[in-house]
Amino acid sequence: MIPVRILGTASVLPERRVTTRELGEALGRNPSAIEHKTGIRARHWSPPGTSMAELGAQALRGALAAAGLDARNLRRILFVSSTGGDVLIPATANRVAAALGLAGTCDAFDLNNACMGFVSAFDVASRSVATGLGPVAIVVVELGSRIISVEEPRPYLVFGDAAAAAIVGTARDGEGVLGAAFGNDGTQPSDVWMAHPLVTRTAERVRFEFSNQHIAEVAIEALKTATRAVLEQACLSLAEVEWVLPHQPNGAMLRLITEALGVDPARIVPVVEEVGSVGAASIPISLDRLLRTRTVRAGARLLMVGVGAGVSHGAVLYRVGG
């Protein structure tokens, strides 16, 4: 076991709520049919010019408050986003630290693993804490509204904006990471991708390359692989895990994932219906909702399992302390 503790979490949604009905009517399509197909009722979009660092700092302040920590206690900040950040150079994590008034007191860098970003960052944070570098803050910001257009209706109808943060620190007795499993299959063609604007010399948007069915099949197999691997490490069955927090790309996919894993829906914290597809922010938002709105007993096991373009997959199994 990697002895670490989730000290605090928080999540932030931009003020503007955009309903599926609003988008459907604007595109001349049946809003009810879109909502039924995607399982998304609404998402939130940020105004143009929104700073990812500022939005991330807002989420991190909430997580620090939940943890009862001062920002100066942090020893590392990991900034996670599927699309990079506010700038290519330097790392946006530097700007998050600066927004909190930190100068020279902690390490800060960016991490990108598409929708798998938070789970990957949680693994890095846990190992950092276990080797003496902690507490560590994970800050996730996804501004999907920046990378969509009406010309590509599939991402346009599901992507949303969100930020979330989690702080990982020193464990109490009996708590920590029971298992961590990660993998990647770069030989598969990218089902979701976005070209680099410095290479193409044009403004780029995210694209869905294959059918929804193909994307679902690849994602579910990857999630099942990660789940099996982490449970084998911990010598547990999924029935012994109290809470399951999978990636939630859309409502229809969440239902398929729930069925494929054989999980009672009561053990999942659905968020996609009201926040849309928010990439790497999906799992930390559901984690924050879980810890704030549900009764999580001491000793409960929590499975965070994700999949991302690449194709990457991974899972972390965490046991809650007292």
C-alpha atoms as a PDB file:
ATOM      1  CA  MET A   1       0.000   0.000   0.000  1.00  0.00           C
ATOM      2  CA  ILE A   2       1.120   3.556  -0.747  1.00  0.00           C
ATOM      3  CA  PRO A   3       0.304   5.455   2.469  1.00  0.00           C
ATOM      4  CA  VAL A   4      -1.450   8.676   1.442  1.00  0.00           C
ATOM      5  CA  ARG A   5      -4.596  10.574   2.372  1.00  0.00           C
ATOM      6  CA  ILE A   6      -7.007  12.684   0.360  1.00  0.00           C
ATOM      7  CA  LEU A   7      -6.941  15.824   2.490  1.00  0.00           C
ATOM      8  CA  GLY A   8      -9.473  17.929   0.600  1.00  0.00           C
ATOM      9  CA  THR A   9     -11.302  18.350  -2.701  1.00  0.00           C
ATOM     10  CA  ALA A  10     -13.264  21.026  -4.536  1.00  0.00           C
ATOM     11  CA  SER A  11     -14.850  21.642  -7.915  1.00  0.00           C
ATOM     12  CA  VAL A  12     -15.909  24.741  -9.837  1.00  0.00           C
ATOM     13  CA  LEU A  13     -18.311  25.231 -12.738  1.00  0.00           C
ATOM     14  CA  PRO A  14     -18.428  28.437 -14.812  1.00  0.00           C
ATOM     15  CA  GLU A  15     -21.490  30.597 -14.222  1.00  0.00           C
ATOM     16  CA  ARG A  16     -23.086  30.179 -17.658  1.00  0.00           C
ATOM     17  CA  ARG A  17     -25.233  27.035 -17.862  1.00  0.00           C
ATOM     18  CA  VAL A  18     -25.958  25.916 -21.426  1.00  0.00           C
ATOM     19  CA  THR A  19     -28.806  23.458 -21.872  1.00  0.00           C
ATOM     20  CA  THR A  20     -29.033  20.758 -24.515  1.00  0.00           C
ATOM     21  CA  ARG A  21     -32.369  22.255 -25.482  1.00  0.00           C
ATOM     22  CA  GLU A  22     -30.656  25.560 -26.245  1.00  0.00           C
ATOM     23  CA  LEU A  23     -28.017  23.902 -28.455  1.00  0.00           C
ATOM     24  CA  GLY A  24     -30.496  21.633 -30.202  1.00  0.00           C
ATOM     25  CA  GLU A  25     -32.778  24.489 -31.124  1.00  0.00           C
ATOM     26  CA  ALA A  26     -29.804  26.533 -32.389  1.00  0.00           C
ATOM     27  CA  LEU A  27     -28.779  23.639 -34.665  1.00  0.00           C
ATOM     28  CA  GLY A  28     -32.324  22.927 -35.815  1.00  0.00           C
ATOM     29  CA  ARG A  29     -32.270  19.477 -34.204  1.00  0.00           C
ATOM     30  CA  ASN A  30     -34.605  17.753 -31.775  1.00  0.00           C
ATOM     31  CA  PRO A  31     -33.336  18.613 -28.264  1.00  0.00           C
ATOM     32  CA  SER A  32     -35.152  15.691 -26.641  1.00  0.00           C
ATOM     33  CA  ALA A  33     -33.529  13.241 -29.051  1.00  0.00           C
ATOM     34  CA  ILE A  34     -30.082  14.721 -28.385  1.00  0.00           C
ATOM     35  CA  GLU A  35     -30.583  14.571 -24.623  1.00  0.00           C
ATOM     36  CA  HIS A  36     -31.782  10.970 -24.839  1.00  0.00           C
ATOM     37  CA  LYS A  37     -28.795   9.956 -26.978  1.00  0.00           C
ATOM     38  CA  THR A  38     -26.102  11.774 -24.994  1.00  0.00           C
ATOM     39  CA  GLY A  39     -27.549  11.599 -21.494  1.00  0.00           C
ATOM     40  CA  ILE A  40     -26.523  15.245 -21.043  1.00  0.00           C
ATOM     41  CA  ARG A  41     -29.060  17.840 -19.957  1.00  0.00           C
ATOM     42  CA  ALA A  42     -26.684  20.779 -19.532  1.00  0.00           C
ATOM     43  CA  ARG A  43     -23.061  21.878 -19.449  1.00  0.00           C
ATOM     44  CA  HIS A  44     -21.271  25.044 -18.381  1.00  0.00           C
ATOM     45  CA  TRP A  45     -19.250  27.280 -20.704  1.00  0.00           C
ATOM     46  CA  SER A  46     -16.731  29.929 -19.698  1.00  0.00           C
ATOM     47  CA  PRO A  47     -16.679  33.396 -21.262  1.00  0.00           C
ATOM     48  CA  PRO A  48     -13.967  34.082 -23.864  1.00  0.00           C
ATOM     49  CA  GLY A  49     -10.640  35.001 -22.320  1.00  0.00           C
ATOM     50  CA  THR A  50     -11.139  32.904 -19.188  1.00  0.00           C
ATOM     51  CA  SER A  51      -7.818  32.095 -17.536  1.00  0.00           C
ATOM     52  CA  MET A  52      -7.345  28.395 -16.847  1.00  0.00           C
ATOM     53  CA  ALA A  53      -4.860  29.272 -14.126  1.00  0.00           C
ATOM     54  CA  GLU A  54      -7.342  31.540 -12.356  1.00  0.00           C
ATOM     55  CA  LEU A  55     -10.150  28.968 -12.608  1.00  0.00           C
ATOM     56  CA  GLY A  56      -7.766  26.300 -11.345  1.00  0.00           C
ATOM     57  CA  ALA A  57      -6.631  28.522  -8.487  1.00  0.00           C
ATOM     58  CA  GLN A  58     -10.274  29.007  -7.506  1.00  0.00           C
ATOM     59  CA  ALA A  59     -10.764  25.246  -7.302  1.00  0.00           C
ATOM     60  CA  LEU A  60      -7.508  24.822  -5.388  1.00  0.00           C
ATOM     61  CA  ARG A  61      -8.512  27.445  -2.825  1.00  0.00           C
ATOM     62  CA  GLY A  62     -11.659  25.412  -2.196  1.00  0.00           C
ATOM     63  CA  ALA A  63      -9.657  22.204  -1.751  1.00  0.00           C
ATOM     64  CA  LEU A  64      -7.228  23.949   0.625  1.00  0.00           C
ATOM     65  CA  ALA A  65     -10.166  25.205   2.688  1.00  0.00           C
ATOM     66  CA  ALA A  66     -11.609  21.682   2.837  1.00  0.00           C
ATOM     67  CA  ALA A  67      -8.223  20.355   3.933  1.00  0.00           C
ATOM     68  CA  GLY A  68      -7.669  23.132   6.488  1.00  0.00           C
ATOM     69  CA  LEU A  69      -4.338  23.989   4.875  1.00  0.00           C
ATOM     70  CA  ASP A  70      -2.565  27.171   3.898  1.00  0.00           C
ATOM     71  CA  ALA A  71      -1.271  27.303   0.320  1.00  0.00           C
ATOM     72  CA  ARG A  72       2.259  27.696   1.718  1.00  0.00           C
ATOM     73  CA  ASN A  73       2.019  24.125   3.055  1.00  0.00           C
ATOM     74  CA  LEU A  74       2.018  22.719  -0.481  1.00  0.00           C
ATOM     75  CA  ARG A  75       5.217  21.188  -1.815  1.00  0.00           C
ATOM     76  CA  ARG A  76       4.052  20.371  -5.348  1.00  0.00           C
ATOM     77  CA  ILE A  77       1.293  21.505  -7.715  1.00  0.00           C
ATOM     78  CA  LEU A  78       0.298  19.348 -10.691  1.00  0.00           C
ATOM     79  CA  PHE A  79      -1.764  21.142 -13.331  1.00  0.00           C
ATOM     80  CA  VAL A  80      -3.778  18.815 -15.556  1.00  0.00           C
ATOM     81  CA  SER A  81      -5.558  19.663 -18.811  1.00  0.00           C
ATOM     82  CA  SER A  82      -6.225  17.783 -22.031  1.00  0.00           C
ATOM     83  CA  THR A  83      -5.460  20.863 -24.111  1.00  0.00           C
ATOM     84  CA  GLY A  84      -2.307  22.121 -22.431  1.00  0.00           C
ATOM     85  CA  GLY A  85      -3.130  25.279 -20.506  1.00  0.00           C
ATOM     86  CA  ASP A  86      -3.128  29.038 -20.929  1.00  0.00           C
ATOM     87  CA  VAL A  87       0.245  29.024 -22.714  1.00  0.00           C
ATOM     88  CA  LEU A  88       2.575  26.430 -24.215  1.00  0.00           C
ATOM     89  CA  ILE A  89       5.541  27.814 -22.266  1.00  0.00           C
ATOM     90  CA  PRO A  90       5.860  28.032 -19.282  1.00  0.00           C
ATOM     91  CA  ALA A  91       3.806  25.378 -17.485  1.00  0.00           C
ATOM     92  CA  THR A  92       0.413  26.735 -16.409  1.00  0.00           C
ATOM     93  CA  ALA A  93       1.071  25.235 -12.960  1.00  0.00           C
ATOM     94  CA  ASN A  94       3.458  28.158 -12.415  1.00  0.00           C
ATOM     95  CA  ARG A  95       0.597  30.587 -12.906  1.00  0.00           C
ATOM     96  CA  VAL A  96      -1.641  28.636 -10.535  1.00  0.00           C
ATOM     97  CA  ALA A  97       1.079  28.888  -7.878  1.00  0.00           C
ATOM     98  CA  ALA A  98       1.493  32.599  -8.555  1.00  0.00           C
ATOM     99  CA  ALA A  99      -2.273  33.167  -8.257  1.00  0.00           C
ATOM    100  CA  LEU A 100      -2.027  31.736  -4.746  1.00  0.00           C
ATOM    101  CA  GLY A 101       0.869  34.035  -3.912  1.00  0.00           C
ATOM    102  CA  LEU A 102       3.450  31.248  -3.850  1.00  0.00           C
ATOM    103  CA  ALA A 103       7.032  32.088  -4.773  1.00  0.00           C
ATOM    104  CA  GLY A 104       9.838  29.590  -4.289  1.00  0.00           C
ATOM    105  CA  THR A 105       7.968  27.399  -1.795  1.00  0.00           C
ATOM    106  CA  CYS A 106       6.853  24.508  -4.017  1.00  0.00           C
ATOM    107  CA  ASP A 107       7.415  22.616  -7.246  1.00  0.00           C
ATOM    108  CA  ALA A 108       4.885  23.097 -10.077  1.00  0.00           C
ATOM    109  CA  PHE A 109       4.485  21.443 -13.460  1.00  0.00           C
ATOM    110  CA  ASP A 110       1.878  20.351 -16.014  1.00  0.00           C
ATOM    111  CA  LEU A 111       0.652  16.861 -16.886  1.00  0.00           C
ATOM    112  CA  ASN A 112      -1.390  15.820 -19.917  1.00  0.00           C
ATOM    113  CA  ASN A 113      -2.800  12.349 -20.496  1.00  0.00           C
ATOM    114  CA  ALA A 114      -6.113  13.310 -22.123  1.00  0.00           C
ATOM    115  CA  CYS A 115      -9.122  12.186 -20.069  1.00  0.00           C
ATOM    116  CA  MET A 116      -6.827   9.971 -17.980  1.00  0.00           C
ATOM    117  CA  GLY A 117      -4.978  13.016 -16.650  1.00  0.00           C
ATOM    118  CA  PHE A 118      -6.382  13.110 -13.113  1.00  0.00           C
ATOM    119  CA  VAL A 119      -5.842   9.409 -12.431  1.00  0.00           C
ATOM    120  CA  SER A 120      -2.263   9.666 -13.723  1.00  0.00           C
ATOM    121  CA  ALA A 121      -1.660  12.774 -11.612  1.00  0.00           C
ATOM    122  CA  PHE A 122      -3.099  11.064  -8.533  1.00  0.00           C
ATOM    123  CA  ASP A 123      -0.548   8.282  -8.982  1.00  0.00           C
ATOM    124  CA  VAL A 124       2.311  10.812  -9.302  1.00  0.00           C
ATOM    125  CA  ALA A 125       1.032  12.752  -6.282  1.00  0.00           C
ATOM    126  CA  SER A 126       0.720   9.609  -4.154  1.00  0.00           C
ATOM    127  CA  ARG A 127       4.265   8.483  -4.928  1.00  0.00           C
ATOM    128  CA  SER A 128       5.546  12.007  -4.259  1.00  0.00           C
ATOM    129  CA  VAL A 129       3.936  12.053  -0.826  1.00  0.00           C
ATOM    130  CA  ALA A 130       5.144   8.531  -0.032  1.00  0.00           C
ATOM    131  CA  THR A 131       8.738   9.594  -0.739  1.00  0.00           C
ATOM    132  CA  GLY A 132       8.529  12.707   1.427  1.00  0.00           C
ATOM    133  CA  LEU A 133       7.375  15.408  -0.996  1.00  0.00           C
ATOM    134  CA  GLY A 134       3.943  16.514   0.130  1.00  0.00           C
ATOM    135  CA  PRO A 135       1.286  17.711   0.424  1.00  0.00           C
ATOM    136  CA  VAL A 136       0.647  17.696  -3.338  1.00  0.00           C
ATOM    137  CA  ALA A 137      -2.165  19.568  -5.064  1.00  0.00           C
ATOM    138  CA  ILE A 138      -3.742  18.260  -8.272  1.00  0.00           C
ATOM    139  CA  VAL A 139      -5.534  20.953 -10.255  1.00  0.00           C
ATOM    140  CA  VAL A 140      -7.608  19.973 -13.289  1.00  0.00           C
ATOM    141  CA  VAL A 141      -9.069  22.505 -15.707  1.00  0.00           C
ATOM    142  CA  GLU A 142     -10.897  21.610 -18.905  1.00  0.00           C
ATOM    143  CA  LEU A 143     -12.297  24.331 -21.164  1.00  0.00           C
ATOM    144  CA  GLY A 144     -13.955  22.185 -23.805  1.00  0.00           C
ATOM    145  CA  SER A 145     -15.893  25.157 -25.150  1.00  0.00           C
ATOM    146  CA  ARG A 146     -12.619  26.507 -26.602  1.00  0.00           C
ATOM    147  CA  ILE A 147     -12.053  23.509 -28.852  1.00  0.00           C
ATOM    148  CA  ILE A 148     -15.508  22.901 -30.342  1.00  0.00           C
ATOM    149  CA  SER A 149     -17.448  24.352 -33.239  1.00  0.00           C
ATOM    150  CA  VAL A 150     -20.860  23.851 -34.788  1.00  0.00           C
ATOM    151  CA  GLU A 151     -19.113  22.325 -37.815  1.00  0.00           C
ATOM    152  CA  GLU A 152     -18.257  19.319 -35.607  1.00  0.00           C
ATOM    153  CA  PRO A 153     -21.619  18.658 -33.906  1.00  0.00           C
ATOM    154  CA  ARG A 154     -20.621  15.522 -31.984  1.00  0.00           C
ATOM    155  CA  PRO A 155     -18.138  17.243 -29.631  1.00  0.00           C
ATOM    156  CA  TYR A 156     -20.138  20.488 -29.801  1.00  0.00           C
ATOM    157  CA  LEU A 157     -23.174  18.832 -28.237  1.00  0.00           C
ATOM    158  CA  VAL A 158     -21.377  17.192 -25.312  1.00  0.00           C
ATOM    159  CA  PHE A 159     -18.303  19.187 -24.224  1.00  0.00           C
ATOM    160  CA  GLY A 160     -18.374  21.412 -21.159  1.00  0.00           C
ATOM    161  CA  ASP A 161     -16.017  23.449 -18.971  1.00  0.00           C
ATOM    162  CA  ALA A 162     -15.040  22.648 -15.391  1.00  0.00           C
ATOM    163  CA  ALA A 163     -12.272  22.761 -12.816  1.00  0.00           C
ATOM    164  CA  ALA A 164     -11.505  20.494  -9.876  1.00  0.00           C
ATOM    165  CA  ALA A 165      -8.776  20.094  -7.304  1.00  0.00           C
ATOM    166  CA  ALA A 166      -7.637  17.479  -4.822  1.00  0.00           C
ATOM    167  CA  ILE A 167      -4.896  17.592  -2.207  1.00  0.00           C
ATOM    168  CA  VAL A 168      -2.990  14.453  -1.264  1.00  0.00           C
ATOM    169  CA  GLY A 169      -0.956  14.279   1.922  1.00  0.00           C
ATOM    170  CA  THR A 170       0.399  12.080   4.679  1.00  0.00           C
ATOM    171  CA  ALA A 171      -1.744   9.085   5.594  1.00  0.00           C
ATOM    172  CA  ARG A 172      -3.204   7.938   8.861  1.00  0.00           C
ATOM    173  CA  ASP A 173      -3.054   4.272   9.821  1.00  0.00           C
ATOM    174  CA  GLY A 174      -4.729   1.943   7.352  1.00  0.00           C
ATOM    175  CA  GLU A 175      -5.389   4.368   4.529  1.00  0.00           C
ATOM    176  CA  GLY A 176      -3.819   4.865   1.142  1.00  0.00           C
ATOM    177  CA  VAL A 177      -3.521   3.456  -2.361  1.00  0.00           C
ATOM    178  CA  LEU A 178      -4.149  -0.305  -2.411  1.00  0.00           C
ATOM    179  CA  GLY A 179      -3.289  -0.643  -6.075  1.00  0.00           C
ATOM    180  CA  ALA A 180      -2.466   1.335  -9.216  1.00  0.00           C
ATOM    181  CA  ALA A 181      -2.545  -0.033 -12.760  1.00  0.00           C
ATOM    182  CA  PHE A 182      -1.839   1.838 -15.982  1.00  0.00           C
ATOM    183  CA  GLY A 183      -1.473   0.963 -19.645  1.00  0.00           C
ATOM    184  CA  ASN A 184      -1.443   2.350 -23.157  1.00  0.00           C
ATOM    185  CA  ASP A 185      -1.979   1.077 -26.680  1.00  0.00           C
ATOM    186  CA  GLY A 186      -0.624   3.666 -29.080  1.00  0.00           C
ATOM    187  CA  THR A 187      -0.960   1.254 -31.994  1.00  0.00           C
ATOM    188  CA  GLN A 188      -4.688   1.923 -32.124  1.00  0.00           C
ATOM    189  CA  PRO A 189      -5.780   4.841 -34.291  1.00  0.00           C
ATOM    190  CA  SER A 190      -6.797   7.933 -32.325  1.00  0.00           C
ATOM    191  CA  ASP A 191     -10.559   8.018 -31.931  1.00  0.00           C
ATOM    192  CA  VAL A 192     -10.568  11.510 -30.384  1.00  0.00           C
ATOM    193  CA  TRP A 193      -7.829  13.913 -31.421  1.00  0.00           C
ATOM    194  CA  MET A 194      -6.832  17.517 -31.933  1.00  0.00           C
ATOM    195  CA  ALA A 195      -3.962  18.635 -34.146  1.00  0.00           C
ATOM    196  CA  HIS A 196      -1.270  21.020 -32.880  1.00  0.00           C
ATOM    197  CA  PRO A 197      -1.836  24.566 -34.197  1.00  0.00           C
ATOM    198  CA  LEU A 198       1.916  25.250 -34.423  1.00  0.00           C
ATOM    199  CA  VAL A 199       2.202  22.323 -36.809  1.00  0.00           C
ATOM    200  CA  THR A 200      -0.883  22.992 -38.921  1.00  0.00           C
ATOM    201  CA  ARG A 201      -0.623  26.800 -38.588  1.00  0.00           C
ATOM    202  CA  THR A 202      -4.372  27.100 -38.176  1.00  0.00           C
ATOM    203  CA  ALA A 203      -6.879  27.253 -35.320  1.00  0.00           C
ATOM    204  CA  GLU A 204      -7.691  23.662 -34.414  1.00  0.00           C
ATOM    205  CA  ARG A 205     -10.760  21.965 -32.965  1.00  0.00           C
ATOM    206  CA  VAL A 206     -11.259  18.568 -31.391  1.00  0.00           C
ATOM    207  CA  ARG A 207     -12.461  15.814 -33.713  1.00  0.00           C
ATOM    208  CA  PHE A 208     -14.159  12.455 -33.236  1.00  0.00           C
ATOM    209  CA  GLU A 209     -12.622  10.158 -35.819  1.00  0.00           C
ATOM    210  CA  PHE A 210     -14.776   7.035 -35.489  1.00  0.00           C
ATOM    211  CA  SER A 211     -18.355   6.051 -34.752  1.00  0.00           C
ATOM    212  CA  ASN A 212     -19.733   6.301 -31.242  1.00  0.00           C
ATOM    213  CA  GLN A 213     -20.027   2.511 -31.159  1.00  0.00           C
ATOM    214  CA  HIS A 214     -16.332   2.013 -31.958  1.00  0.00           C
ATOM    215  CA  ILE A 215     -15.266   4.586 -29.369  1.00  0.00           C
ATOM    216  CA  ALA A 216     -17.503   2.921 -26.768  1.00  0.00           C
ATOM    217  CA  GLU A 217     -16.131  -0.553 -27.484  1.00  0.00           C
ATOM    218  CA  VAL A 218     -12.498   0.564 -27.178  1.00  0.00           C
ATOM    219  CA  ALA A 219     -13.166   2.587 -24.030  1.00  0.00           C
ATOM    220  CA  ILE A 220     -15.088  -0.137 -22.229  1.00  0.00           C
ATOM    221  CA  GLU A 221     -12.481  -2.794 -22.959  1.00  0.00           C
ATOM    222  CA  ALA A 222      -9.763  -0.449 -21.668  1.00  0.00           C
ATOM    223  CA  LEU A 223     -11.737   0.284 -18.492  1.00  0.00           C
ATOM    224  CA  LYS A 224     -12.320  -3.420 -17.866  1.00  0.00           C
ATOM    225  CA  THR A 225      -8.608  -4.124 -18.349  1.00  0.00           C
ATOM    226  CA  ALA A 226      -7.602  -1.434 -15.841  1.00  0.00           C
ATOM    227  CA  THR A 227     -10.219  -2.577 -13.329  1.00  0.00           C
ATOM    228  CA  ARG A 228      -9.116  -6.211 -13.489  1.00  0.00           C
ATOM    229  CA  ALA A 229      -5.457  -5.266 -13.098  1.00  0.00           C
ATOM    230  CA  VAL A 230      -5.896  -3.047 -10.045  1.00  0.00           C
ATOM    231  CA  LEU A 231      -8.201  -5.520  -8.299  1.00  0.00           C
ATOM    232  CA  GLU A 232      -5.687  -8.309  -8.855  1.00  0.00           C
ATOM    233  CA  GLN A 233      -3.001  -6.165  -7.224  1.00  0.00           C
ATOM    234  CA  ALA A 234      -5.178  -5.595  -4.176  1.00  0.00           C
ATOM    235  CA  CYS A 235      -6.474  -9.198  -4.073  1.00  0.00           C
ATOM    236  CA  LEU A 236     -10.039  -7.910  -4.033  1.00  0.00           C
ATOM    237  CA  SER A 237     -13.195  -8.380  -6.062  1.00  0.00           C
ATOM    238  CA  LEU A 238     -15.211  -5.477  -7.399  1.00  0.00           C
ATOM    239  CA  ALA A 239     -18.018  -6.493  -5.038  1.00  0.00           C
ATOM    240  CA  GLU A 240     -15.715  -5.556  -2.144  1.00  0.00           C
ATOM    241  CA  VAL A 241     -15.275  -1.992  -3.437  1.00  0.00           C
ATOM    242  CA  GLU A 242     -17.823   0.400  -1.949  1.00  0.00           C
ATOM    243  CA  TRP A 243     -17.520   3.268  -4.464  1.00  0.00           C
ATOM    244  CA  VAL A 244     -16.658   3.264  -8.176  1.00  0.00           C
ATOM    245  CA  LEU A 245     -15.780   6.533  -9.948  1.00  0.00           C
ATOM    246  CA  PRO A 246     -15.361   5.880 -13.675  1.00  0.00           C
ATOM    247  CA  HIS A 247     -14.672   8.403 -16.399  1.00  0.00           C
ATOM    248  CA  GLN A 248     -17.987   9.846 -17.638  1.00  0.00           C
ATOM    249  CA  PRO A 249     -17.686  10.915 -21.308  1.00  0.00           C
ATOM    250  CA  ASN A 250     -21.477  11.072 -21.712  1.00  0.00           C
ATOM    251  CA  GLY A 251     -24.564   9.647 -20.070  1.00  0.00           C
ATOM    252  CA  ALA A 252     -25.024   6.825 -22.556  1.00  0.00           C
ATOM    253  CA  MET A 253     -21.417   5.730 -22.081  1.00  0.00           C
ATOM    254  CA  LEU A 254     -21.760   5.883 -18.312  1.00  0.00           C
ATOM    255  CA  ARG A 255     -24.692   3.465 -18.497  1.00  0.00           C
ATOM    256  CA  LEU A 256     -22.686   1.105 -20.708  1.00  0.00           C
ATOM    257  CA  ILE A 257     -19.675   1.309 -18.371  1.00  0.00           C
ATOM    258  CA  THR A 258     -21.865   0.596 -15.351  1.00  0.00           C
ATOM    259  CA  GLU A 259     -23.345  -2.451 -17.057  1.00  0.00           C
ATOM    260  CA  ALA A 260     -19.995  -3.705 -18.400  1.00  0.00           C
ATOM    261  CA  LEU A 261     -18.386  -3.550 -14.959  1.00  0.00           C
ATOM    262  CA  GLY A 262     -21.460  -5.019 -13.295  1.00  0.00           C
ATOM    263  CA  VAL A 263     -21.650  -2.211 -10.740  1.00  0.00           C
ATOM    264  CA  ASP A 264     -24.753  -1.220  -8.798  1.00  0.00           C
ATOM    265  CA  PRO A 265     -25.542   2.356  -9.961  1.00  0.00           C
ATOM    266  CA  ALA A 266     -25.936   3.335  -6.297  1.00  0.00           C
ATOM    267  CA  ARG A 267     -22.150   2.919  -5.915  1.00  0.00           C
ATOM    268  CA  ILE A 268     -21.448   5.478  -8.666  1.00  0.00           C
ATOM    269  CA  VAL A 269     -21.707   9.276  -8.413  1.00  0.00           C
ATOM    270  CA  PRO A 270     -23.087  10.483 -11.763  1.00  0.00           C
ATOM    271  CA  VAL A 271     -22.232  14.045 -12.765  1.00  0.00           C
ATOM    272  CA  VAL A 272     -22.221  14.035 -16.572  1.00  0.00           C
ATOM    273  CA  GLU A 273     -25.922  14.817 -16.932  1.00  0.00           C
ATOM    274  CA  GLU A 274     -25.391  18.300 -15.487  1.00  0.00           C
ATOM    275  CA  VAL A 275     -21.743  19.079 -16.375  1.00  0.00           C
ATOM    276  CA  GLY A 276     -21.356  17.432 -19.786  1.00  0.00           C
ATOM    277  CA  SER A 277     -18.194  15.799 -21.049  1.00  0.00           C
ATOM    278  CA  VAL A 278     -15.395  17.509 -19.120  1.00  0.00           C
ATOM    279  CA  GLY A 279     -12.408  15.303 -19.918  1.00  0.00           C
ATOM    280  CA  ALA A 280      -9.935  14.815 -17.086  1.00  0.00           C
ATOM    281  CA  ALA A 281     -12.179  16.805 -14.712  1.00  0.00           C
ATOM    282  CA  SER A 282     -14.881  14.126 -14.749  1.00  0.00           C
ATOM    283  CA  ILE A 283     -13.416  11.836 -12.068  1.00  0.00           C
ATOM    284  CA  PRO A 284     -12.269  14.545  -9.607  1.00  0.00           C
ATOM    285  CA  ILE A 285     -15.684  16.228  -9.809  1.00  0.00           C
ATOM    286  CA  SER A 286     -17.402  12.951  -8.948  1.00  0.00           C
ATOM    287  CA  LEU A 287     -14.817  12.415  -6.184  1.00  0.00           C
ATOM    288  CA  ASP A 288     -15.598  15.855  -4.758  1.00  0.00           C
ATOM    289  CA  ARG A 289     -19.353  15.203  -4.945  1.00  0.00           C
ATOM    290  CA  LEU A 290     -18.874  11.834  -3.252  1.00  0.00           C
ATOM    291  CA  LEU A 291     -16.908  13.229  -0.318  1.00  0.00           C
ATOM    292  CA  ARG A 292     -19.238  16.215   0.107  1.00  0.00           C
ATOM    293  CA  THR A 293     -22.665  14.635  -0.396  1.00  0.00           C
ATOM    294  CA  ARG A 294     -22.435  10.946   0.512  1.00  0.00           C
ATOM    295  CA  THR A 295     -21.616   9.069   3.681  1.00  0.00           C
ATOM    296  CA  VAL A 296     -18.209   7.460   3.131  1.00  0.00           C
ATOM    297  CA  ARG A 297     -17.304   5.277   6.087  1.00  0.00           C
ATOM    298  CA  ALA A 298     -13.787   4.704   7.371  1.00  0.00           C
ATOM    299  CA  GLY A 299     -12.185   1.779   5.584  1.00  0.00           C
ATOM    300  CA  ALA A 300     -14.315   2.157   2.469  1.00  0.00           C
ATOM    301  CA  ARG A 301     -12.578   1.379  -0.803  1.00  0.00           C
ATOM    302  CA  LEU A 302     -12.847   3.768  -3.712  1.00  0.00           C
ATOM    303  CA  LEU A 303     -12.001   2.853  -7.308  1.00  0.00           C
ATOM    304  CA  MET A 304     -11.083   5.620  -9.746  1.00  0.00           C
ATOM    305  CA  VAL A 305     -10.852   4.184 -13.261  1.00  0.00           C
ATOM    306  CA  GLY A 306     -10.321   6.076 -16.482  1.00  0.00           C
ATOM    307  CA  VAL A 307      -9.640   5.908 -20.184  1.00  0.00           C
ATOM    308  CA  GLY A 308      -8.252   8.538 -22.500  1.00  0.00           C
ATOM    309  CA  ALA A 309      -7.347   9.154 -26.108  1.00  0.00           C
ATOM    310  CA  GLY A 310      -4.110   7.495 -26.960  1.00  0.00           C
ATOM    311  CA  VAL A 311      -5.484   4.933 -26.043  1.00  0.00           C
ATOM    312  CA  SER A 312      -4.514   5.160 -22.360  1.00  0.00           C
ATOM    313  CA  HIS A 313      -6.189   3.508 -19.407  1.00  0.00           C
ATOM    314  CA  GLY A 314      -5.632   3.277 -15.685  1.00  0.00           C
ATOM    315  CA  ALA A 315      -7.095   2.775 -12.247  1.00  0.00           C
ATOM    316  CA  VAL A 316      -6.282   3.664  -8.671  1.00  0.00           C
ATOM    317  CA  LEU A 317      -7.851   1.837  -5.732  1.00  0.00           C
ATOM    318  CA  TYR A 318      -7.875   3.936  -2.567  1.00  0.00           C
ATOM    319  CA  ARG A 319      -8.883   3.054   0.985  1.00  0.00           C
ATOM    320  CA  VAL A 320     -10.410   5.809   3.090  1.00  0.00           C
ATOM    321  CA  GLY A 321      -9.037   6.429   6.568  1.00  0.00           C
ATOM    322  CA  GLY A 322     -10.829   7.290   9.771  1.00  0.00           C
END
